[in-house]
Amino acid sequence: MRRRNKRSPKEQRRRDLKKKHRLNMLRRIAVFLICVAGLGVLGYSFVVALNDGVFDVRTIEVEGSELIPKETIIEESGIREGDNIFLVNVNEAQGRISDSLITRRLVIRKVMPDKIVIQVEEKPVLFAVNDNGQICYFGENLELITKSEYLTRSDVPLVSGLTSYQIGSVGDALTAEPAYKFDIIVEMLRTFKNNGLLNRISEVSLKSDNTYRIITVDGTVFTVKDLDNFHDYFGYIKTVVENGESELDINLTAGNNPIQKPRS
């Protein structure tokens, strides 16, 4: 009877390593084939979903916009319902909106599979001007924030009575004549803002006799002579506004005491 040769430990280790290597290769090939098959299924499903319109934009939401109607924001963005959500260029849409509205923050998000969310944080508005039927909104640095066909914010005071307004594009600074009279009105508005009362003022206007008329949202009218006169009586004005006193005509230009009477 023939006796089998016994392998040396070194040779046995080498054979075991080869066997292990072959098994690892087979595992890798199996995993690769499974991944390819999975990707194929996903790819096919994705193509079917595209053809079925699963990734077509069905909803466009606008959050935070008060100055410009939501419909206008959507129109300005250039995004349309039915657009493929993967082909929506967010940067281009933000640029188009920024041409018509100055914002503190503007974010456009894609919410899969079919929704666009436009988040707007508007810059604070100091006042508005009615320019031939178009309402123009301005920030504290007098920059044009946006224009609207109608008054969209009831808590923004109108400025009126000046002889002319030079209104440029969105982002441009407003100039008005007479310039020093305009400066006085702006300083009054900034004072109201700094005291948390800006949303209580409906209008500030220059009158034909060169006095200034301040109308509150409660219908009370103050008449002041100049900026010093306004500051001298601001404590009194502040109290009347905070108390919500309505439909009064208060003349602060004559003598040392307010002349107060009901509005006729």
C-alpha atoms as a PDB file:
ATOM      1  CA  MET A   1       0.000   0.000   0.000  1.00  0.00           C
ATOM      2  CA  ARG A   2       1.300   3.361  -1.127  1.00  0.00           C
ATOM      3  CA  ARG A   3       1.751   5.954   1.579  1.00  0.00           C
ATOM      4  CA  ARG A   4       0.724   9.587   0.797  1.00  0.00           C
ATOM      5  CA  ASN A   5       3.362  12.188   1.263  1.00  0.00           C
ATOM      6  CA  LYS A   6       2.643  14.494   4.138  1.00  0.00           C
ATOM      7  CA  ARG A   7       2.650  18.201   3.201  1.00  0.00           C
ATOM      8  CA  SER A   8       4.927  20.495   5.019  1.00  0.00           C
ATOM      9  CA  PRO A   9       3.312  23.203   7.215  1.00  0.00           C
ATOM     10  CA  LYS A  10       4.605  25.904   4.833  1.00  0.00           C
ATOM     11  CA  GLU A  11       3.014  24.268   1.811  1.00  0.00           C
ATOM     12  CA  GLN A  12      -0.260  23.760   3.677  1.00  0.00           C
ATOM     13  CA  ARG A  13      -0.412  27.447   4.637  1.00  0.00           C
ATOM     14  CA  ARG A  14       0.203  28.399   1.016  1.00  0.00           C
ATOM     15  CA  ARG A  15      -2.664  26.187  -0.174  1.00  0.00           C
ATOM     16  CA  ASP A  16      -4.985  27.571   2.512  1.00  0.00           C
ATOM     17  CA  LEU A  17      -4.140  31.143   1.485  1.00  0.00           C
ATOM     18  CA  LYS A  18      -4.896  30.387  -2.174  1.00  0.00           C
ATOM     19  CA  LYS A  19      -8.229  28.868  -1.220  1.00  0.00           C
ATOM     20  CA  LYS A  20      -9.103  31.856   0.952  1.00  0.00           C
ATOM     21  CA  HIS A  21      -8.120  34.235  -1.840  1.00  0.00           C
ATOM     22  CA  ARG A  22     -10.408  32.423  -4.317  1.00  0.00           C
ATOM     23  CA  LEU A  23     -13.313  32.606  -1.866  1.00  0.00           C
ATOM     24  CA  ASN A  24     -12.751  36.340  -1.330  1.00  0.00           C
ATOM     25  CA  MET A  25     -12.696  36.935  -5.076  1.00  0.00           C
ATOM     26  CA  LEU A  26     -15.962  35.029  -5.486  1.00  0.00           C
ATOM     27  CA  ARG A  27     -17.547  37.093  -2.700  1.00  0.00           C
ATOM     28  CA  ARG A  28     -16.395  40.366  -4.321  1.00  0.00           C
ATOM     29  CA  ILE A  29     -17.749  39.287  -7.696  1.00  0.00           C
ATOM     30  CA  ALA A  30     -21.061  38.325  -6.109  1.00  0.00           C
ATOM     31  CA  VAL A  31     -21.343  41.669  -4.294  1.00  0.00           C
ATOM     32  CA  PHE A  32     -20.421  43.528  -7.483  1.00  0.00           C
ATOM     33  CA  LEU A  33     -23.071  41.684  -9.490  1.00  0.00           C
ATOM     34  CA  ILE A  34     -25.681  42.357  -6.817  1.00  0.00           C
ATOM     35  CA  CYS A  35     -24.770  46.087  -6.790  1.00  0.00           C
ATOM     36  CA  VAL A  36     -24.931  46.289 -10.581  1.00  0.00           C
ATOM     37  CA  ALA A  37     -28.305  44.590 -10.551  1.00  0.00           C
ATOM     38  CA  GLY A  38     -29.530  46.923  -7.812  1.00  0.00           C
ATOM     39  CA  LEU A  39     -28.321  50.011  -9.654  1.00  0.00           C
ATOM     40  CA  GLY A  40     -29.977  48.733 -12.787  1.00  0.00           C
ATOM     41  CA  VAL A  41     -33.285  48.373 -10.971  1.00  0.00           C
ATOM     42  CA  LEU A  42     -32.913  51.820  -9.387  1.00  0.00           C
ATOM     43  CA  GLY A  43     -31.961  53.364 -12.705  1.00  0.00           C
ATOM     44  CA  TYR A  44     -34.923  51.787 -14.433  1.00  0.00           C
ATOM     45  CA  SER A  45     -37.247  52.912 -11.639  1.00  0.00           C
ATOM     46  CA  PHE A  46     -35.824  56.453 -11.824  1.00  0.00           C
ATOM     47  CA  VAL A  47     -36.385  56.654 -15.584  1.00  0.00           C
ATOM     48  CA  VAL A  48     -39.931  55.381 -15.172  1.00  0.00           C
ATOM     49  CA  ALA A  49     -40.531  57.961 -12.408  1.00  0.00           C
ATOM     50  CA  LEU A  50     -39.209  60.759 -14.650  1.00  0.00           C
ATOM     51  CA  ASN A  51     -41.448  59.673 -17.507  1.00  0.00           C
ATOM     52  CA  ASP A  52     -44.429  59.463 -15.168  1.00  0.00           C
ATOM     53  CA  GLY A  53     -43.796  63.028 -13.892  1.00  0.00           C
ATOM     54  CA  VAL A  54     -43.049  61.994 -10.314  1.00  0.00           C
ATOM     55  CA  PHE A  55     -40.320  64.671 -10.119  1.00  0.00           C
ATOM     56  CA  ASP A  56     -42.326  67.425 -11.793  1.00  0.00           C
ATOM     57  CA  VAL A  57     -42.882  70.473  -9.574  1.00  0.00           C
ATOM     58  CA  ARG A  58     -46.446  70.394  -8.273  1.00  0.00           C
ATOM     59  CA  THR A  59     -46.255  72.828  -5.350  1.00  0.00           C
ATOM     60  CA  ILE A  60     -44.429  76.171  -4.957  1.00  0.00           C
ATOM     61  CA  GLU A  61     -44.671  77.732  -1.491  1.00  0.00           C
ATOM     62  CA  VAL A  62     -43.551  81.233  -0.472  1.00  0.00           C
ATOM     63  CA  GLU A  63     -42.849  81.979   3.189  1.00  0.00           C
ATOM     64  CA  GLY A  64     -42.258  85.394   4.765  1.00  0.00           C
ATOM     65  CA  SER A  65     -43.134  87.740   1.901  1.00  0.00           C
ATOM     66  CA  GLU A  66     -45.334  90.711   2.847  1.00  0.00           C
ATOM     67  CA  LEU A  67     -44.244  93.468   0.478  1.00  0.00           C
ATOM     68  CA  ILE A  68     -44.634  91.480  -2.723  1.00  0.00           C
ATOM     69  CA  PRO A  69     -47.591  89.129  -3.249  1.00  0.00           C
ATOM     70  CA  LYS A  70     -46.619  85.467  -3.192  1.00  0.00           C
ATOM     71  CA  GLU A  71     -47.856  85.023  -6.745  1.00  0.00           C
ATOM     72  CA  THR A  72     -45.477  87.770  -7.897  1.00  0.00           C
ATOM     73  CA  ILE A  73     -42.525  86.177  -6.081  1.00  0.00           C
ATOM     74  CA  ILE A  74     -43.249  82.878  -7.842  1.00  0.00           C
ATOM     75  CA  GLU A  75     -43.528  84.632 -11.196  1.00  0.00           C
ATOM     76  CA  GLU A  76     -40.286  86.525 -10.634  1.00  0.00           C
ATOM     77  CA  SER A  77     -38.462  83.295  -9.707  1.00  0.00           C
ATOM     78  CA  GLY A  78     -39.125  81.808 -13.126  1.00  0.00           C
ATOM     79  CA  ILE A  79     -40.029  78.455 -11.550  1.00  0.00           C
ATOM     80  CA  ARG A  80     -43.176  76.926 -12.956  1.00  0.00           C
ATOM     81  CA  GLU A  81     -45.361  74.031 -11.946  1.00  0.00           C
ATOM     82  CA  GLY A  82     -44.502  71.110 -14.207  1.00  0.00           C
ATOM     83  CA  ASP A  83     -40.770  71.912 -14.296  1.00  0.00           C
ATOM     84  CA  ASN A  84     -38.498  68.959 -13.590  1.00  0.00           C
ATOM     85  CA  ILE A  85     -37.279  69.551 -10.043  1.00  0.00           C
ATOM     86  CA  PHE A  86     -33.757  68.383 -10.941  1.00  0.00           C
ATOM     87  CA  LEU A  87     -33.543  71.015 -13.685  1.00  0.00           C
ATOM     88  CA  VAL A  88     -34.648  73.940 -11.481  1.00  0.00           C
ATOM     89  CA  ASN A  89     -31.664  76.293 -11.144  1.00  0.00           C
ATOM     90  CA  VAL A  90     -31.948  77.685  -7.626  1.00  0.00           C
ATOM     91  CA  ASN A  91     -29.181  80.283  -8.074  1.00  0.00           C
ATOM     92  CA  GLU A  92     -30.797  81.734 -11.191  1.00  0.00           C
ATOM     93  CA  ALA A  93     -34.189  81.872  -9.456  1.00  0.00           C
ATOM     94  CA  GLN A  94     -32.685  83.727  -6.474  1.00  0.00           C
ATOM     95  CA  GLY A  95     -31.032  86.208  -8.826  1.00  0.00           C
ATOM     96  CA  ARG A  96     -34.309  86.951 -10.600  1.00  0.00           C
ATOM     97  CA  ILE A  97     -36.128  87.558  -7.298  1.00  0.00           C
ATOM     98  CA  SER A  98     -33.305  89.841  -6.094  1.00  0.00           C
ATOM     99  CA  ASP A  99     -33.836  92.055  -9.136  1.00  0.00           C
ATOM    100  CA  SER A 100     -37.234  93.062  -7.768  1.00  0.00           C
ATOM    101  CA  LEU A 101     -36.813  92.742  -3.989  1.00  0.00           C
ATOM    102  CA  ILE A 102     -33.974  93.540  -1.567  1.00  0.00           C
ATOM    103  CA  THR A 103     -33.971  90.938   1.204  1.00  0.00           C
ATOM    104  CA  ARG A 104     -32.066  90.145   4.364  1.00  0.00           C
ATOM    105  CA  ARG A 105     -32.175  86.480   3.469  1.00  0.00           C
ATOM    106  CA  LEU A 106     -33.483  84.506   0.514  1.00  0.00           C
ATOM    107  CA  VAL A 107     -33.426  80.701   0.397  1.00  0.00           C
ATOM    108  CA  ILE A 108     -34.961  78.401  -2.202  1.00  0.00           C
ATOM    109  CA  ARG A 109     -35.211  74.718  -1.232  1.00  0.00           C
ATOM    110  CA  LYS A 110     -36.127  71.643  -3.198  1.00  0.00           C
ATOM    111  CA  VAL A 111     -38.306  69.246  -1.225  1.00  0.00           C
ATOM    112  CA  MET A 112     -38.351  65.908  -2.996  1.00  0.00           C
ATOM    113  CA  PRO A 113     -40.064  64.750  -5.020  1.00  0.00           C
ATOM    114  CA  ASP A 114     -42.195  67.672  -6.265  1.00  0.00           C
ATOM    115  CA  LYS A 115     -42.101  70.757  -4.018  1.00  0.00           C
ATOM    116  CA  ILE A 116     -40.239  74.100  -4.064  1.00  0.00           C
ATOM    117  CA  VAL A 117     -40.112  76.318  -0.962  1.00  0.00           C
ATOM    118  CA  ILE A 118     -39.072  79.985  -1.303  1.00  0.00           C
ATOM    119  CA  GLN A 119     -38.188  81.516   2.081  1.00  0.00           C
ATOM    120  CA  VAL A 120     -37.968  85.318   2.177  1.00  0.00           C
ATOM    121  CA  GLU A 121     -36.765  87.492   5.047  1.00  0.00           C
ATOM    122  CA  GLU A 122     -37.500  91.051   3.968  1.00  0.00           C
ATOM    123  CA  LYS A 123     -35.425  94.079   4.907  1.00  0.00           C
ATOM    124  CA  PRO A 124     -37.129  96.421   7.396  1.00  0.00           C
ATOM    125  CA  VAL A 125     -39.099  99.215   5.723  1.00  0.00           C
ATOM    126  CA  LEU A 126     -38.955 102.811   6.973  1.00  0.00           C
ATOM    127  CA  PHE A 127     -41.574 104.401   4.712  1.00  0.00           C
ATOM    128  CA  ALA A 128     -43.343 104.255   1.371  1.00  0.00           C
ATOM    129  CA  VAL A 129     -43.900 106.770  -1.422  1.00  0.00           C
ATOM    130  CA  ASN A 130     -46.770 106.813  -3.891  1.00  0.00           C
ATOM    131  CA  ASP A 131     -45.084 107.414  -7.243  1.00  0.00           C
ATOM    132  CA  ASN A 132     -47.819 107.955  -9.837  1.00  0.00           C
ATOM    133  CA  GLY A 133     -49.931 105.145  -8.458  1.00  0.00           C
ATOM    134  CA  GLN A 134     -47.043 102.787  -7.764  1.00  0.00           C
ATOM    135  CA  ILE A 135     -46.101 102.203  -4.122  1.00  0.00           C
ATOM    136  CA  CYS A 136     -42.330 102.288  -3.556  1.00  0.00           C
ATOM    137  CA  TYR A 137     -40.921 100.945  -0.281  1.00  0.00           C
ATOM    138  CA  PHE A 138     -37.668 102.271   1.202  1.00  0.00           C
ATOM    139  CA  GLY A 139     -35.336 101.060   3.956  1.00  0.00           C
ATOM    140  CA  GLU A 140     -33.665 103.051   6.710  1.00  0.00           C
ATOM    141  CA  ASN A 141     -30.748 103.905   4.406  1.00  0.00           C
ATOM    142  CA  LEU A 142     -33.300 105.204   1.870  1.00  0.00           C
ATOM    143  CA  GLU A 143     -32.617 102.285  -0.497  1.00  0.00           C
ATOM    144  CA  LEU A 144     -35.501 101.158  -2.694  1.00  0.00           C
ATOM    145  CA  ILE A 145     -36.544  97.742  -1.391  1.00  0.00           C
ATOM    146  CA  THR A 146     -39.310  97.016  -3.874  1.00  0.00           C
ATOM    147  CA  LYS A 147     -42.260  98.437  -5.810  1.00  0.00           C
ATOM    148  CA  SER A 148     -45.871  97.339  -5.737  1.00  0.00           C
ATOM    149  CA  GLU A 149     -49.021  98.239  -7.622  1.00  0.00           C
ATOM    150  CA  TYR A 150     -50.862  98.780  -4.353  1.00  0.00           C
ATOM    151  CA  LEU A 151     -50.182  99.301  -0.632  1.00  0.00           C
ATOM    152  CA  THR A 152     -49.391  95.820   0.689  1.00  0.00           C
ATOM    153  CA  ARG A 153     -48.326  96.867   4.210  1.00  0.00           C
ATOM    154  CA  SER A 154     -50.720  98.845   6.399  1.00  0.00           C
ATOM    155  CA  ASP A 155     -48.045  99.324   9.075  1.00  0.00           C
ATOM    156  CA  VAL A 156     -45.724 101.352   6.817  1.00  0.00           C
ATOM    157  CA  PRO A 157     -46.092 105.170   6.855  1.00  0.00           C
ATOM    158  CA  LEU A 158     -46.469 107.081   3.600  1.00  0.00           C
ATOM    159  CA  VAL A 159     -44.333 110.137   2.886  1.00  0.00           C
ATOM    160  CA  SER A 160     -46.058 112.845   0.852  1.00  0.00           C
ATOM    161  CA  GLY A 161     -46.164 116.552   0.053  1.00  0.00           C
ATOM    162  CA  LEU A 162     -42.631 116.951  -1.348  1.00  0.00           C
ATOM    163  CA  THR A 163     -42.255 118.528  -4.777  1.00  0.00           C
ATOM    164  CA  SER A 164     -40.368 115.695  -6.496  1.00  0.00           C
ATOM    165  CA  TYR A 165     -38.929 112.211  -5.977  1.00  0.00           C
ATOM    166  CA  GLN A 166     -36.043 110.650  -7.876  1.00  0.00           C
ATOM    167  CA  ILE A 167     -36.681 106.915  -7.699  1.00  0.00           C
ATOM    168  CA  GLY A 168     -34.259 104.548  -9.405  1.00  0.00           C
ATOM    169  CA  SER A 169     -33.985 100.773  -9.531  1.00  0.00           C
ATOM    170  CA  VAL A 170     -34.234  98.338  -6.634  1.00  0.00           C
ATOM    171  CA  GLY A 171     -31.281  99.011  -4.319  1.00  0.00           C
ATOM    172  CA  ASP A 172     -30.853 102.651  -5.397  1.00  0.00           C
ATOM    173  CA  ALA A 173     -31.117 105.465  -2.837  1.00  0.00           C
ATOM    174  CA  LEU A 174     -34.076 107.842  -2.955  1.00  0.00           C
ATOM    175  CA  THR A 175     -33.578 111.588  -3.324  1.00  0.00           C
ATOM    176  CA  ALA A 176     -36.409 114.079  -2.919  1.00  0.00           C
ATOM    177  CA  GLU A 177     -36.915 117.829  -3.094  1.00  0.00           C
ATOM    178  CA  PRO A 178     -36.753 120.000  -1.129  1.00  0.00           C
ATOM    179  CA  ALA A 179     -33.901 117.873   0.200  1.00  0.00           C
ATOM    180  CA  TYR A 180     -33.682 119.468   3.668  1.00  0.00           C
ATOM    181  CA  LYS A 181     -37.433 119.056   4.178  1.00  0.00           C
ATOM    182  CA  PHE A 182     -37.127 115.418   3.179  1.00  0.00           C
ATOM    183  CA  ASP A 183     -34.267 115.004   5.673  1.00  0.00           C
ATOM    184  CA  ILE A 184     -36.516 116.311   8.451  1.00  0.00           C
ATOM    185  CA  ILE A 185     -39.278 113.826   7.592  1.00  0.00           C
ATOM    186  CA  VAL A 186     -36.769 110.955   7.526  1.00  0.00           C
ATOM    187  CA  GLU A 187     -35.414 111.972  10.950  1.00  0.00           C
ATOM    188  CA  MET A 188     -38.954 112.014  12.364  1.00  0.00           C
ATOM    189  CA  LEU A 189     -39.602 108.534  11.004  1.00  0.00           C
ATOM    190  CA  ARG A 190     -36.321 107.220  12.411  1.00  0.00           C
ATOM    191  CA  THR A 191     -37.277 108.641  15.817  1.00  0.00           C
ATOM    192  CA  PHE A 192     -40.608 106.823  15.696  1.00  0.00           C
ATOM    193  CA  LYS A 193     -38.818 103.640  14.649  1.00  0.00           C
ATOM    194  CA  ASN A 194     -36.244 103.862  17.444  1.00  0.00           C
ATOM    195  CA  ASN A 195     -39.101 104.199  19.933  1.00  0.00           C
ATOM    196  CA  GLY A 196     -41.070 101.258  18.543  1.00  0.00           C
ATOM    197  CA  LEU A 197     -43.846 103.463  17.176  1.00  0.00           C
ATOM    198  CA  LEU A 198     -43.264 103.342  13.428  1.00  0.00           C
ATOM    199  CA  ASN A 199     -46.145 100.941  12.825  1.00  0.00           C
ATOM    200  CA  ARG A 200     -48.470 103.416  14.597  1.00  0.00           C
ATOM    201  CA  ILE A 201     -47.821 106.134  12.022  1.00  0.00           C
ATOM    202  CA  SER A 202     -49.936 106.235   8.863  1.00  0.00           C
ATOM    203  CA  GLU A 203     -48.452 109.241   7.032  1.00  0.00           C
ATOM    204  CA  VAL A 204     -45.988 112.103   7.353  1.00  0.00           C
ATOM    205  CA  SER A 205     -46.390 114.950   4.890  1.00  0.00           C
ATOM    206  CA  LEU A 206     -45.080 118.416   4.135  1.00  0.00           C
ATOM    207  CA  LYS A 207     -47.925 120.959   4.039  1.00  0.00           C
ATOM    208  CA  SER A 208     -48.166 123.968   1.762  1.00  0.00           C
ATOM    209  CA  ASP A 209     -47.388 126.292   4.691  1.00  0.00           C
ATOM    210  CA  ASN A 210     -44.111 124.368   5.283  1.00  0.00           C
ATOM    211  CA  THR A 211     -45.329 122.727   8.476  1.00  0.00           C
ATOM    212  CA  TYR A 212     -45.420 118.956   8.857  1.00  0.00           C
ATOM    213  CA  ARG A 213     -48.473 116.769   9.349  1.00  0.00           C
ATOM    214  CA  ILE A 214     -48.141 113.452  11.196  1.00  0.00           C
ATOM    215  CA  ILE A 215     -51.161 111.136  10.964  1.00  0.00           C
ATOM    216  CA  THR A 216     -51.467 108.122  13.247  1.00  0.00           C
ATOM    217  CA  VAL A 217     -53.256 104.872  12.402  1.00  0.00           C
ATOM    218  CA  ASP A 218     -55.906 105.921  14.958  1.00  0.00           C
ATOM    219  CA  GLY A 219     -56.714 109.035  12.940  1.00  0.00           C
ATOM    220  CA  THR A 220     -55.044 111.627  15.168  1.00  0.00           C
ATOM    221  CA  VAL A 221     -53.186 114.423  13.352  1.00  0.00           C
ATOM    222  CA  PHE A 222     -50.182 116.293  14.800  1.00  0.00           C
ATOM    223  CA  THR A 223     -48.918 119.492  13.200  1.00  0.00           C
ATOM    224  CA  VAL A 224     -45.299 120.444  13.923  1.00  0.00           C
ATOM    225  CA  LYS A 225     -43.261 123.393  12.708  1.00  0.00           C
ATOM    226  CA  ASP A 226     -39.801 121.886  12.312  1.00  0.00           C
ATOM    227  CA  LEU A 227     -37.494 119.198  13.696  1.00  0.00           C
ATOM    228  CA  ASP A 228     -36.768 121.093  16.940  1.00  0.00           C
ATOM    229  CA  ASN A 229     -40.493 121.544  17.506  1.00  0.00           C
ATOM    230  CA  PHE A 230     -41.007 117.820  16.894  1.00  0.00           C
ATOM    231  CA  HIS A 231     -38.285 116.812  19.370  1.00  0.00           C
ATOM    232  CA  ASP A 232     -39.528 119.300  21.988  1.00  0.00           C
ATOM    233  CA  TYR A 233     -42.958 117.667  21.947  1.00  0.00           C
ATOM    234  CA  PHE A 234     -41.951 114.093  21.206  1.00  0.00           C
ATOM    235  CA  GLY A 235     -42.644 112.902  24.759  1.00  0.00           C
ATOM    236  CA  TYR A 236     -46.194 114.229  24.444  1.00  0.00           C
ATOM    237  CA  ILE A 237     -46.602 112.759  20.938  1.00  0.00           C
ATOM    238  CA  LYS A 238     -45.334 109.398  22.179  1.00  0.00           C
ATOM    239  CA  THR A 239     -47.868 109.326  25.020  1.00  0.00           C
ATOM    240  CA  VAL A 240     -50.792 110.167  22.730  1.00  0.00           C
ATOM    241  CA  VAL A 241     -49.751 107.511  20.190  1.00  0.00           C
ATOM    242  CA  GLU A 242     -49.157 104.812  22.807  1.00  0.00           C
ATOM    243  CA  ASN A 243     -52.554 105.548  24.398  1.00  0.00           C
ATOM    244  CA  GLY A 244     -54.220 105.101  21.021  1.00  0.00           C
ATOM    245  CA  GLU A 245     -56.061 108.419  21.242  1.00  0.00           C
ATOM    246  CA  SER A 246     -58.086 108.797  18.072  1.00  0.00           C
ATOM    247  CA  GLU A 247     -59.586 111.405  15.769  1.00  0.00           C
ATOM    248  CA  LEU A 248     -57.857 114.397  17.363  1.00  0.00           C
ATOM    249  CA  ASP A 249     -56.341 117.442  15.666  1.00  0.00           C
ATOM    250  CA  ILE A 250     -53.320 118.562  17.725  1.00  0.00           C
ATOM    251  CA  ASN A 251     -51.434 121.711  16.769  1.00  0.00           C
ATOM    252  CA  LEU A 252     -47.955 121.889  18.312  1.00  0.00           C
ATOM    253  CA  THR A 253     -46.781 124.989  16.445  1.00  0.00           C
ATOM    254  CA  ALA A 254     -48.523 127.717  18.454  1.00  0.00           C
ATOM    255  CA  GLY A 255     -47.191 128.775  21.849  1.00  0.00           C
ATOM    256  CA  ASN A 256     -45.967 126.525  24.618  1.00  0.00           C
ATOM    257  CA  ASN A 257     -48.992 124.237  24.875  1.00  0.00           C
ATOM    258  CA  PRO A 258     -50.642 121.882  22.432  1.00  0.00           C
ATOM    259  CA  ILE A 259     -53.887 123.051  20.906  1.00  0.00           C
ATOM    260  CA  GLN A 260     -56.130 120.003  20.829  1.00  0.00           C
ATOM    261  CA  LYS A 261     -59.573 119.583  19.316  1.00  0.00           C
ATOM    262  CA  PRO A 262     -61.644 116.788  17.750  1.00  0.00           C
ATOM    263  CA  ARG A 263     -61.154 116.299  14.039  1.00  0.00           C
ATOM    264  CA  SER A 264     -64.019 117.642  12.042  1.00  0.00           C
END
